[in-house]
């Protein structure tokens, strides 16, 4: 798409970025309707902790806000509501609607089966809940086991059942799912902002520093490494530098479009981003939990600076949140509130994302007026920044600040809104995380690394030798000793 020839409203009905905003706002408005006496979110189903010996539908599922409903009815309504909304979006985005519907249904069923299994007490229950469920042993992984299981099954499908993976690709949209979840997350950030305004302010300031580090430190270093050591062309070095330094696939595509790079380059870089994101997703949450179990906010912020796709960052942040809280409860005797470690990761990442439009614009100017210097080249307009800007961030910010304003109107309004919004920022958001994990696995094909040895080597060196250590150092400087609220 040539963004410079589009209107400001182009893509509002045909891109995943915008549809993440619309789905998030629809559910947020449904929760806001509680202020007028309507109950439009309580139908959402959610899994409950259970044990093998006492399996029953009533034991493994429950309704978010309608306890009189049978859990199977809540799950059916959950499927119908999200199927209608996602199919409407798929039709608007010109997907193959029949294939999307079938693929979505399969993903939905798989997601809920995996989610229910992951909530079995031997996998999820904390050490302090062993007696409650009559357990003699347990992994105490919290919801982290569900995420890992979804990722593992997705990777098995993506690498060993490739015909199935190709069929499901029409519905396996991890970037869309996670961006929708992030818009939902705006509600939780709103709640947290009211509870601890100073905490949020400090995270925002770190986000500013992270933005400077990503654009003005990581990018030049990786670009110089690519040009001088690996002898890459200018466009290849620029696209790879944006992909690994800023925000993954979206940055690689935005950079390629801005500098008019060869069409194959963003595709190659995107493959590397997705595959390396899998390694980060599998390795970093457990690694950070092991090396710094008493530095939860440092770990979350470092993750946001290191993991380069929104989907993988949010998914890794969610896993880190679960693993660190489970570890703290088991080994430190502390019960941290859910979501604060994830918020540290996402706040850092979103700040970096927000300026990709500006960076694409800057690179376009450099390429047009310095690198290429072609006579008659069209001028770059400010509208380019708007088209490159990640729109889901607008939804996230709108939900965040709208929640704060509405909840600040009075204690009764705040209580009503929080109760209705809990279904959106809780089980709906977690369902989108689960869909993200299984979808990331399905679209990841490790065999595609063949033939990309030089790019893969540069990516690995830059990621693990430059970006990860510096990111952790920055996070340590800003967040050392910061802790989530304790229950």
Foldseek 3Di string as FASTA:
>chain_A
DQLQPDDLCPPCQADLLNLLLVLLVVLLVQLLCVLVVDFRQQLAKDFAEAAPVDDDQQNGMATQHCRVDRRVRSLVVNCVVVLVSVLSSCVSNVFPSVLQSVLVVVLSVVLVVLQSVCRYCQEDPFPVCCVVHVHPHHPNLHSLSSLVVLLVLLQCCQAPVVVVLVSNLSNLDLQSLLLSLLLLQLLVLLVVCVVCVPVVVLLLVLLVVLLCCLPVPQLVVQLCCCCPVVNDDNLLSNLLSQQQRFAHLLLSVLQCSLLVNDPCRSVLRNLLLLQVLVVCLVPLLVVCCVPCLQQLLLSLLLLLRQRRHSSSQLLSQQSSQSRSQSCCCHPVVFHFDGDPSSCSNNSNNLSRLQCSQVVSLVSSCCNCVPVPVDPPDDDDDPSSSSVSGSSSVVSSVVSNVVLNVQLVPDVVSVVSSCSSSCSSSPRVSVSSSSSSSSSSSSNRHPVVCPPVVSSSVSSVCSNVVPRSVVSSVSSCVSRPPDDGDTD
